């Protein structure tokens, strides 16, 4: 990917120094003292106030997401500025606009699906609460805060959250999940415990978070549709094609 800069926290300095030395990178520490060389704060302080124009096109690369499924070496999926914008627009259309000061609780790495929530929340004046590691008891406690209304999860996080919520369901208004199928007993238990707050989103690295959505009301369907990946999002056309690219009827 022709990487040139590595941005890190001070607690990962040893790894950052090793990588920077090996790959010839400029390392920037986010949480160093403001006067420390190479700190983010010092770079900001030394920069001029004038905006710097950068020529570009919406088709230019903006993000490289690495994916390998479960086998093989990671492959870089290059996403354009247009694609990243569409991700943000789709999330806001399907999940609703967060209010200024509102926060989403993210317990996954930002290099995965959780990272795509950063832009839509920040452009609305909202924020993020990032967990270093998943702690279901802490997640449940944070749900009592007025500012934290949404939790982004994967299905495997729900059983321990249910256990933590045995006596108190917490206060999440939305629990957004995806990345793998959800077992029917887990889904039913979560709906019974937390109420109609679950939303499933589906995408892939090449079209992240932007393919289909199973809304809160859809989870009340009495048949197996509540276990599906939902319907195509607004502005998205989903079809089934064979190896030759010919349209096939969906079963």
C-alpha atoms as a PDB file:
ATOM      1  CA  UNK A   1       0.000   0.000   0.000  1.00  0.00           C
ATOM      2  CA  UNK A   2       3.057   2.272  -0.075  1.00  0.00           C
ATOM      3  CA  UNK A   3       2.516   3.297   3.542  1.00  0.00           C
ATOM      4  CA  UNK A   4       4.575   6.267   4.722  1.00  0.00           C
ATOM      5  CA  UNK A   5       3.220   7.212   8.157  1.00  0.00           C
ATOM      6  CA  UNK A   6       2.330   5.133  11.224  1.00  0.00           C
ATOM      7  CA  UNK A   7       0.020   6.728  13.802  1.00  0.00           C
ATOM      8  CA  UNK A   8       0.062   5.001  17.188  1.00  0.00           C
ATOM      9  CA  UNK A   9      -0.606   5.386  20.890  1.00  0.00           C
ATOM     10  CA  UNK A  10       2.282   5.656  23.308  1.00  0.00           C
ATOM     11  CA  UNK A  11       1.595   2.231  24.813  1.00  0.00           C
ATOM     12  CA  UNK A  12       2.408   0.659  21.442  1.00  0.00           C
ATOM     13  CA  UNK A  13       5.656   2.575  21.042  1.00  0.00           C
ATOM     14  CA  UNK A  14       7.902  -0.502  20.988  1.00  0.00           C
ATOM     15  CA  UNK A  15       5.981  -2.059  18.089  1.00  0.00           C
ATOM     16  CA  UNK A  16       5.745   1.296  16.325  1.00  0.00           C
ATOM     17  CA  UNK A  17       9.493   1.894  16.605  1.00  0.00           C
ATOM     18  CA  UNK A  18      10.254  -1.577  15.262  1.00  0.00           C
ATOM     19  CA  UNK A  19       7.878  -1.201  12.315  1.00  0.00           C
ATOM     20  CA  UNK A  20       9.067   2.322  11.563  1.00  0.00           C
ATOM     21  CA  UNK A  21      12.680   1.191  11.502  1.00  0.00           C
ATOM     22  CA  UNK A  22      11.948  -1.846   9.348  1.00  0.00           C
ATOM     23  CA  UNK A  23       9.705  -0.104   6.821  1.00  0.00           C
ATOM     24  CA  UNK A  24      11.120   3.417   6.870  1.00  0.00           C
ATOM     25  CA  UNK A  25       7.989   5.052   8.253  1.00  0.00           C
ATOM     26  CA  UNK A  26       7.411   8.355  10.002  1.00  0.00           C
ATOM     27  CA  UNK A  27       5.880   7.525  13.405  1.00  0.00           C
ATOM     28  CA  UNK A  28       3.360   9.884  15.049  1.00  0.00           C
ATOM     29  CA  UNK A  29       2.297   9.316  18.665  1.00  0.00           C
ATOM     30  CA  UNK A  30      -1.227  10.502  19.461  1.00  0.00           C
ATOM     31  CA  UNK A  31      -0.845  10.805  23.221  1.00  0.00           C
ATOM     32  CA  UNK A  32       2.728  11.956  23.789  1.00  0.00           C
ATOM     33  CA  UNK A  33       3.535  15.204  25.570  1.00  0.00           C
ATOM     34  CA  UNK A  34       2.681  18.208  23.361  1.00  0.00           C
ATOM     35  CA  UNK A  35       6.354  19.201  23.096  1.00  0.00           C
ATOM     36  CA  UNK A  36       7.676  15.706  22.272  1.00  0.00           C
ATOM     37  CA  UNK A  37       9.197  15.363  18.778  1.00  0.00           C
ATOM     38  CA  UNK A  38       6.892  13.431  16.504  1.00  0.00           C
ATOM     39  CA  UNK A  39       3.832  13.916  18.694  1.00  0.00           C
ATOM     40  CA  UNK A  40       0.517  14.709  17.056  1.00  0.00           C
ATOM     41  CA  UNK A  41       0.007  17.719  19.322  1.00  0.00           C
ATOM     42  CA  UNK A  42       3.372  19.230  18.320  1.00  0.00           C
ATOM     43  CA  UNK A  43       2.654  18.730  14.636  1.00  0.00           C
ATOM     44  CA  UNK A  44      -0.627  20.607  15.079  1.00  0.00           C
ATOM     45  CA  UNK A  45       1.043  23.384  17.061  1.00  0.00           C
ATOM     46  CA  UNK A  46       3.769  23.839  14.423  1.00  0.00           C
ATOM     47  CA  UNK A  47       1.343  23.837  11.506  1.00  0.00           C
ATOM     48  CA  UNK A  48       0.073  27.034   9.954  1.00  0.00           C
ATOM     49  CA  UNK A  49      -3.602  28.002  10.221  1.00  0.00           C
ATOM     50  CA  UNK A  50      -4.074  28.269   6.461  1.00  0.00           C
ATOM     51  CA  UNK A  51      -6.045  25.412   4.866  1.00  0.00           C
ATOM     52  CA  UNK A  52      -4.023  23.354   2.427  1.00  0.00           C
ATOM     53  CA  UNK A  53      -5.769  22.420  -0.770  1.00  0.00           C
ATOM     54  CA  UNK A  54      -5.204  18.914  -2.075  1.00  0.00           C
ATOM     55  CA  UNK A  55      -6.265  18.124  -5.637  1.00  0.00           C
ATOM     56  CA  UNK A  56      -8.252  14.963  -5.986  1.00  0.00           C
ATOM     57  CA  UNK A  57     -11.199  13.145  -7.447  1.00  0.00           C
ATOM     58  CA  UNK A  58     -13.958  11.119  -5.821  1.00  0.00           C
ATOM     59  CA  UNK A  59     -12.594   8.053  -7.621  1.00  0.00           C
ATOM     60  CA  UNK A  60      -9.196   8.404  -5.926  1.00  0.00           C
ATOM     61  CA  UNK A  61      -8.242   5.775  -3.323  1.00  0.00           C
ATOM     62  CA  UNK A  62      -9.241   6.752   0.209  1.00  0.00           C
ATOM     63  CA  UNK A  63      -9.062   3.553   2.244  1.00  0.00           C
ATOM     64  CA  UNK A  64      -7.507   0.098   1.923  1.00  0.00           C
ATOM     65  CA  UNK A  65      -9.300  -2.641   3.823  1.00  0.00           C
ATOM     66  CA  UNK A  66      -7.491  -5.954   4.159  1.00  0.00           C
ATOM     67  CA  UNK A  67      -9.492  -9.143   3.875  1.00  0.00           C
ATOM     68  CA  UNK A  68      -8.715 -12.828   3.549  1.00  0.00           C
ATOM     69  CA  UNK A  69     -11.863 -14.514   4.769  1.00  0.00           C
ATOM     70  CA  UNK A  70     -10.534 -17.402   6.804  1.00  0.00           C
ATOM     71  CA  UNK A  71      -7.716 -18.549   4.507  1.00  0.00           C
ATOM     72  CA  UNK A  72      -4.830 -17.109   2.525  1.00  0.00           C
ATOM     73  CA  UNK A  73      -2.852 -13.915   2.778  1.00  0.00           C
ATOM     74  CA  UNK A  74      -4.768 -10.681   3.384  1.00  0.00           C
ATOM     75  CA  UNK A  75      -5.738  -8.883   0.183  1.00  0.00           C
ATOM     76  CA  UNK A  76      -6.023  -5.126  -0.005  1.00  0.00           C
ATOM     77  CA  UNK A  77      -9.457  -3.868  -1.099  1.00  0.00           C
ATOM     78  CA  UNK A  78      -9.076  -0.309  -2.360  1.00  0.00           C
ATOM     79  CA  UNK A  79     -12.090   1.883  -1.606  1.00  0.00           C
ATOM     80  CA  UNK A  80     -12.567   5.262  -3.262  1.00  0.00           C
ATOM     81  CA  UNK A  81     -13.629   8.523  -1.677  1.00  0.00           C
ATOM     82  CA  UNK A  82     -17.008   8.019  -3.323  1.00  0.00           C
ATOM     83  CA  UNK A  83     -17.347   4.553  -1.747  1.00  0.00           C
ATOM     84  CA  UNK A  84     -16.517   5.823   1.735  1.00  0.00           C
ATOM     85  CA  UNK A  85     -19.035   8.642   1.347  1.00  0.00           C
ATOM     86  CA  UNK A  86     -21.704   6.168   0.263  1.00  0.00           C
ATOM     87  CA  UNK A  87     -21.006   4.052   3.347  1.00  0.00           C
ATOM     88  CA  UNK A  88     -21.611   7.066   5.569  1.00  0.00           C
ATOM     89  CA  UNK A  89     -24.764   8.087   3.724  1.00  0.00           C
ATOM     90  CA  UNK A  90     -26.165   4.554   3.846  1.00  0.00           C
ATOM     91  CA  UNK A  91     -25.541   4.187   7.561  1.00  0.00           C
ATOM     92  CA  UNK A  92     -27.253   7.508   8.286  1.00  0.00           C
ATOM     93  CA  UNK A  93     -30.213   6.642   6.053  1.00  0.00           C
ATOM     94  CA  UNK A  94     -30.771   3.208   7.559  1.00  0.00           C
ATOM     95  CA  UNK A  95     -29.906   3.812  11.212  1.00  0.00           C
ATOM     96  CA  UNK A  96     -30.901   7.434  11.595  1.00  0.00           C
ATOM     97  CA  UNK A  97     -28.923  10.572  12.240  1.00  0.00           C
ATOM     98  CA  UNK A  98     -27.174  10.666  15.634  1.00  0.00           C
ATOM     99  CA  UNK A  99     -27.626  13.818  17.657  1.00  0.00           C
ATOM    100  CA  UNK A 100     -24.710  16.147  18.491  1.00  0.00           C
ATOM    101  CA  UNK A 101     -22.962  14.778  21.569  1.00  0.00           C
ATOM    102  CA  UNK A 102     -24.392  11.306  21.151  1.00  0.00           C
ATOM    103  CA  UNK A 103     -21.918   8.404  21.178  1.00  0.00           C
ATOM    104  CA  UNK A 104     -21.839   4.947  19.655  1.00  0.00           C
ATOM    105  CA  UNK A 105     -20.177   2.168  21.655  1.00  0.00           C
ATOM    106  CA  UNK A 106     -17.655   0.297  19.489  1.00  0.00           C
ATOM    107  CA  UNK A 107     -16.174  -2.935  20.812  1.00  0.00           C
ATOM    108  CA  UNK A 108     -14.637  -4.167  17.545  1.00  0.00           C
ATOM    109  CA  UNK A 109     -11.342  -3.110  15.939  1.00  0.00           C
ATOM    110  CA  UNK A 110     -11.725   0.000  13.795  1.00  0.00           C
ATOM    111  CA  UNK A 111     -10.015  -1.920  10.987  1.00  0.00           C
ATOM    112  CA  UNK A 112     -13.198  -4.008  10.821  1.00  0.00           C
ATOM    113  CA  UNK A 113     -16.832  -2.982  10.410  1.00  0.00           C
ATOM    114  CA  UNK A 114     -16.809  -0.657  13.417  1.00  0.00           C
ATOM    115  CA  UNK A 115     -14.435   1.716  11.644  1.00  0.00           C
ATOM    116  CA  UNK A 116     -17.070   2.669   9.085  1.00  0.00           C
ATOM    117  CA  UNK A 117     -19.169   4.301  11.810  1.00  0.00           C
ATOM    118  CA  UNK A 118     -16.494   6.888  12.559  1.00  0.00           C
ATOM    119  CA  UNK A 119     -17.155   9.236   9.636  1.00  0.00           C
ATOM    120  CA  UNK A 120     -20.994   9.372   9.787  1.00  0.00           C
ATOM    121  CA  UNK A 121     -20.942   9.983  13.541  1.00  0.00           C
ATOM    122  CA  UNK A 122     -18.259  12.675  13.423  1.00  0.00           C
ATOM    123  CA  UNK A 123     -19.861  14.620  10.563  1.00  0.00           C
ATOM    124  CA  UNK A 124     -23.060  14.816  12.643  1.00  0.00           C
ATOM    125  CA  UNK A 125     -21.236  16.234  15.655  1.00  0.00           C
ATOM    126  CA  UNK A 126     -21.562  12.923  17.483  1.00  0.00           C
ATOM    127  CA  UNK A 127     -18.760  10.802  18.934  1.00  0.00           C
ATOM    128  CA  UNK A 128     -17.381   7.358  19.643  1.00  0.00           C
ATOM    129  CA  UNK A 129     -16.685   5.326  22.763  1.00  0.00           C
ATOM    130  CA  UNK A 130     -13.952   2.836  21.915  1.00  0.00           C
ATOM    131  CA  UNK A 131     -13.378  -0.260  24.028  1.00  0.00           C
ATOM    132  CA  UNK A 132      -9.849  -1.691  24.173  1.00  0.00           C
ATOM    133  CA  UNK A 133     -11.425  -5.100  24.592  1.00  0.00           C
ATOM    134  CA  UNK A 134     -14.985  -6.307  24.845  1.00  0.00           C
ATOM    135  CA  UNK A 135     -16.310  -6.120  28.398  1.00  0.00           C
ATOM    136  CA  UNK A 136     -20.035  -7.004  28.545  1.00  0.00           C
ATOM    137  CA  UNK A 137     -20.471  -5.692  32.097  1.00  0.00           C
ATOM    138  CA  UNK A 138     -18.939  -2.356  31.131  1.00  0.00           C
ATOM    139  CA  UNK A 139     -21.012  -2.222  27.940  1.00  0.00           C
ATOM    140  CA  UNK A 140     -24.183  -2.715  29.948  1.00  0.00           C
ATOM    141  CA  UNK A 141     -23.135  -0.061  32.465  1.00  0.00           C
ATOM    142  CA  UNK A 142     -22.375   2.424  29.687  1.00  0.00           C
ATOM    143  CA  UNK A 143     -25.863   1.897  28.244  1.00  0.00           C
ATOM    144  CA  UNK A 144     -27.253   3.805  31.226  1.00  0.00           C
ATOM    145  CA  UNK A 145     -25.540   6.981  30.011  1.00  0.00           C
ATOM    146  CA  UNK A 146     -27.843   9.315  28.153  1.00  0.00           C
ATOM    147  CA  UNK A 147     -25.232   9.928  25.445  1.00  0.00           C
ATOM    148  CA  UNK A 148     -24.628   6.238  24.592  1.00  0.00           C
ATOM    149  CA  UNK A 149     -27.662   4.931  22.745  1.00  0.00           C
ATOM    150  CA  UNK A 150     -26.195   2.526  20.187  1.00  0.00           C
ATOM    151  CA  UNK A 151     -23.937  -0.515  20.523  1.00  0.00           C
ATOM    152  CA  UNK A 152     -22.160  -2.014  17.492  1.00  0.00           C
ATOM    153  CA  UNK A 153     -21.599  -5.739  18.002  1.00  0.00           C
ATOM    154  CA  UNK A 154     -21.095  -9.106  16.366  1.00  0.00           C
ATOM    155  CA  UNK A 155     -23.446 -11.994  17.257  1.00  0.00           C
ATOM    156  CA  UNK A 156     -20.813 -13.677  19.456  1.00  0.00           C
ATOM    157  CA  UNK A 157     -20.925 -10.649  21.782  1.00  0.00           C
ATOM    158  CA  UNK A 158     -24.620 -11.075  22.557  1.00  0.00           C
ATOM    159  CA  UNK A 159     -24.553 -14.204  24.792  1.00  0.00           C
ATOM    160  CA  UNK A 160     -22.146 -12.626  27.336  1.00  0.00           C
ATOM    161  CA  UNK A 161     -24.146  -9.394  27.135  1.00  0.00           C
ATOM    162  CA  UNK A 162     -27.312 -11.378  27.900  1.00  0.00           C
ATOM    163  CA  UNK A 163     -25.589 -12.954  30.879  1.00  0.00           C
ATOM    164  CA  UNK A 164     -24.533  -9.528  32.160  1.00  0.00           C
ATOM    165  CA  UNK A 165     -28.090  -8.279  31.664  1.00  0.00           C
ATOM    166  CA  UNK A 166     -29.720 -11.078  33.670  1.00  0.00           C
ATOM    167  CA  UNK A 167     -31.199  -8.649  36.180  1.00  0.00           C
ATOM    168  CA  UNK A 168     -31.078  -5.377  34.225  1.00  0.00           C
ATOM    169  CA  UNK A 169     -31.574  -5.070  30.445  1.00  0.00           C
ATOM    170  CA  UNK A 170     -29.739  -1.755  30.278  1.00  0.00           C
ATOM    171  CA  UNK A 171     -30.729   1.190  28.156  1.00  0.00           C
ATOM    172  CA  UNK A 172     -29.515   0.662  24.583  1.00  0.00           C
ATOM    173  CA  UNK A 173     -31.931   2.058  22.024  1.00  0.00           C
ATOM    174  CA  UNK A 174     -30.171   0.190  19.197  1.00  0.00           C
ATOM    175  CA  UNK A 175     -27.917  -2.863  19.069  1.00  0.00           C
ATOM    176  CA  UNK A 176     -26.447  -3.101  15.579  1.00  0.00           C
ATOM    177  CA  UNK A 177     -24.921  -6.458  14.710  1.00  0.00           C
ATOM    178  CA  UNK A 178     -23.413  -8.171  11.681  1.00  0.00           C
ATOM    179  CA  UNK A 179     -20.345  -9.989  10.301  1.00  0.00           C
ATOM    180  CA  UNK A 180     -21.780 -13.486  10.842  1.00  0.00           C
ATOM    181  CA  UNK A 181     -25.148 -15.254  11.029  1.00  0.00           C
ATOM    182  CA  UNK A 182     -26.972 -15.165  14.334  1.00  0.00           C
ATOM    183  CA  UNK A 183     -28.388 -18.290  15.959  1.00  0.00           C
ATOM    184  CA  UNK A 184     -32.152 -18.250  16.424  1.00  0.00           C
ATOM    185  CA  UNK A 185     -32.001 -18.939  20.212  1.00  0.00           C
ATOM    186  CA  UNK A 186     -29.562 -16.050  20.688  1.00  0.00           C
ATOM    187  CA  UNK A 187     -31.723 -13.716  18.608  1.00  0.00           C
ATOM    188  CA  UNK A 188     -34.912 -14.678  20.450  1.00  0.00           C
ATOM    189  CA  UNK A 189     -33.241 -14.289  23.848  1.00  0.00           C
ATOM    190  CA  UNK A 190     -31.846 -10.883  22.896  1.00  0.00           C
ATOM    191  CA  UNK A 191     -35.218  -9.657  21.667  1.00  0.00           C
ATOM    192  CA  UNK A 192     -36.897 -10.873  24.847  1.00  0.00           C
ATOM    193  CA  UNK A 193     -34.286  -9.288  27.110  1.00  0.00           C
ATOM    194  CA  UNK A 194     -33.528  -6.007  25.314  1.00  0.00           C
ATOM    195  CA  UNK A 195     -36.752  -5.442  23.383  1.00  0.00           C
ATOM    196  CA  UNK A 196     -37.108  -4.400  19.728  1.00  0.00           C
ATOM    197  CA  UNK A 197     -33.726  -2.699  19.487  1.00  0.00           C
ATOM    198  CA  UNK A 198     -31.797  -5.072  17.190  1.00  0.00           C
ATOM    199  CA  UNK A 199     -30.670  -4.080  13.691  1.00  0.00           C
ATOM    200  CA  UNK A 200     -28.619  -6.274  11.376  1.00  0.00           C
ATOM    201  CA  UNK A 201     -26.417  -4.797   8.649  1.00  0.00           C
ATOM    202  CA  UNK A 202     -24.677  -6.751   5.920  1.00  0.00           C
ATOM    203  CA  UNK A 203     -21.875  -5.904   3.530  1.00  0.00           C
ATOM    204  CA  UNK A 204     -18.478  -7.121   2.441  1.00  0.00           C
ATOM    205  CA  UNK A 205     -15.034  -5.596   2.272  1.00  0.00           C
ATOM    206  CA  UNK A 206     -15.598  -4.529  -1.330  1.00  0.00           C
ATOM    207  CA  UNK A 207     -18.920  -2.869  -0.449  1.00  0.00           C
ATOM    208  CA  UNK A 208     -18.721  -2.343   3.300  1.00  0.00           C
ATOM    209  CA  UNK A 209     -21.889  -1.925   5.335  1.00  0.00           C
ATOM    210  CA  UNK A 210     -23.834  -0.946   2.245  1.00  0.00           C
ATOM    211  CA  UNK A 211     -25.696  -3.985   0.890  1.00  0.00           C
ATOM    212  CA  UNK A 212     -28.654  -5.003   3.047  1.00  0.00           C
ATOM    213  CA  UNK A 213     -30.293  -4.170   6.366  1.00  0.00           C
ATOM    214  CA  UNK A 214     -32.692  -6.009   8.658  1.00  0.00           C
ATOM    215  CA  UNK A 215     -34.529  -3.309  10.556  1.00  0.00           C
ATOM    216  CA  UNK A 216     -35.969  -3.431  14.068  1.00  0.00           C
ATOM    217  CA  UNK A 217     -39.488  -4.120  12.809  1.00  0.00           C
ATOM    218  CA  UNK A 218     -38.219  -6.939  10.580  1.00  0.00           C
ATOM    219  CA  UNK A 219     -36.978  -8.810  13.655  1.00  0.00           C
ATOM    220  CA  UNK A 220     -40.615  -9.242  14.707  1.00  0.00           C
ATOM    221  CA  UNK A 221     -41.423 -11.314  11.609  1.00  0.00           C
ATOM    222  CA  UNK A 222     -42.818 -14.709  12.662  1.00  0.00           C
ATOM    223  CA  UNK A 223     -40.806 -16.794  10.194  1.00  0.00           C
ATOM    224  CA  UNK A 224     -37.170 -17.345   9.163  1.00  0.00           C
ATOM    225  CA  UNK A 225     -36.978 -13.917   7.529  1.00  0.00           C
ATOM    226  CA  UNK A 226     -35.995 -12.525  10.923  1.00  0.00           C
ATOM    227  CA  UNK A 227     -32.777 -14.584  10.546  1.00  0.00           C
ATOM    228  CA  UNK A 228     -31.973 -13.221   7.090  1.00  0.00           C
ATOM    229  CA  UNK A 229     -29.622 -10.391   6.154  1.00  0.00           C
ATOM    230  CA  UNK A 230     -32.601  -8.166   5.350  1.00  0.00           C
ATOM    231  CA  UNK A 231     -33.525  -6.093   2.332  1.00  0.00           C
ATOM    232  CA  UNK A 232     -31.337  -4.019  -0.008  1.00  0.00           C
ATOM    233  CA  UNK A 233     -30.582  -0.598   1.381  1.00  0.00           C
ATOM    234  CA  UNK A 234     -31.901   2.577  -0.202  1.00  0.00           C
ATOM    235  CA  UNK A 235     -30.102   3.246  -3.467  1.00  0.00           C
ATOM    236  CA  UNK A 236     -28.735  -0.318  -3.621  1.00  0.00           C
ATOM    237  CA  UNK A 237     -29.677  -2.935  -6.207  1.00  0.00           C
ATOM    238  CA  UNK A 238     -28.958  -6.531  -5.177  1.00  0.00           C
ATOM    239  CA  UNK A 239     -29.151  -9.333  -7.717  1.00  0.00           C
ATOM    240  CA  UNK A 240     -28.106 -12.939  -8.230  1.00  0.00           C
ATOM    241  CA  UNK A 241     -25.910 -13.684 -11.239  1.00  0.00           C
ATOM    242  CA  UNK A 242     -24.211 -16.763 -12.606  1.00  0.00           C
ATOM    243  CA  UNK A 243     -20.533 -17.113 -13.505  1.00  0.00           C
ATOM    244  CA  UNK A 244     -21.159 -15.495 -16.880  1.00  0.00           C
ATOM    245  CA  UNK A 245     -22.753 -12.426 -15.305  1.00  0.00           C
ATOM    246  CA  UNK A 246     -26.287 -13.339 -16.356  1.00  0.00           C
ATOM    247  CA  UNK A 247     -29.123 -12.480 -13.985  1.00  0.00           C
ATOM    248  CA  UNK A 248     -30.674 -15.436 -12.180  1.00  0.00           C
ATOM    249  CA  UNK A 249     -33.904 -15.611 -10.270  1.00  0.00           C
ATOM    250  CA  UNK A 250     -33.480 -15.543  -6.506  1.00  0.00           C
ATOM    251  CA  UNK A 251     -34.747 -18.638  -4.703  1.00  0.00           C
END
